[in-house]
């Protein structure tokens, strides 16, 4: 029984870690897109 609980704990920890990593990557991508979009807007303004 304790082995099953240990495996579940490890799997949930891995799941949380990968979710955080995916979220960070998505945030970075969004930030890059915003920067790119602002640069385009500035080009249009000038």
Protein backbone atom coordinates (compact mmCIF):
# COMPACT_ATOMS: atom_id res chain seq x y z
CA UNK A 1 0.00 0.00 0.00
CA UNK A 2 2.75 2.45 0.95
CA UNK A 3 4.57 1.70 -2.32
CA UNK A 4 1.48 2.75 -4.30
CA UNK A 5 1.20 5.97 -2.28
CA UNK A 6 4.89 6.69 -2.89
CA UNK A 7 4.50 6.21 -6.64
CA UNK A 8 1.43 8.47 -6.65
CA UNK A 9 3.32 11.15 -4.70
CA UNK A 10 6.23 11.02 -7.17
CA UNK A 11 3.89 11.18 -10.17
CA UNK A 12 1.98 14.15 -8.75
CA UNK A 13 5.26 15.96 -7.99
CA UNK A 14 6.44 15.40 -11.57
CA UNK A 15 3.06 16.60 -12.87
CA UNK A 16 3.20 19.80 -10.82
CA UNK A 17 6.81 20.47 -11.86
CA UNK A 18 6.09 19.97 -15.57
CA UNK A 19 2.95 22.14 -15.33
CA UNK A 20 4.99 24.98 -13.79
CA UNK A 21 7.64 24.62 -16.50
CA UNK A 22 5.03 24.66 -19.29
CA UNK A 23 3.39 27.73 -17.74
CA UNK A 24 6.74 29.57 -17.59
CA UNK A 25 7.51 28.72 -21.22
CA UNK A 26 4.06 29.97 -22.26
CA UNK A 27 4.57 33.22 -20.32
CA UNK A 28 7.97 33.74 -22.00
CA UNK A 29 6.41 33.15 -25.41
CA UNK A 30 3.59 35.62 -24.69
CA UNK A 31 6.12 38.22 -23.48
CA UNK A 32 8.18 37.78 -26.66
CA UNK A 33 5.06 38.12 -28.80
CA UNK A 34 4.06 41.32 -26.98
CA UNK A 35 7.55 42.76 -27.47
CA UNK A 36 7.45 41.85 -31.17
CA UNK A 37 3.96 43.37 -31.51
CA UNK A 38 5.10 46.62 -29.83
CA UNK A 39 8.09 46.83 -32.15
CA UNK A 40 5.76 46.45 -35.15
CA UNK A 41 3.46 49.17 -33.77
CA UNK A 42 6.45 51.50 -33.32
CA UNK A 43 7.55 50.85 -36.92
CA UNK A 44 4.05 51.72 -38.13
CA UNK A 45 4.00 54.92 -36.04
CA UNK A 46 7.31 56.12 -37.46
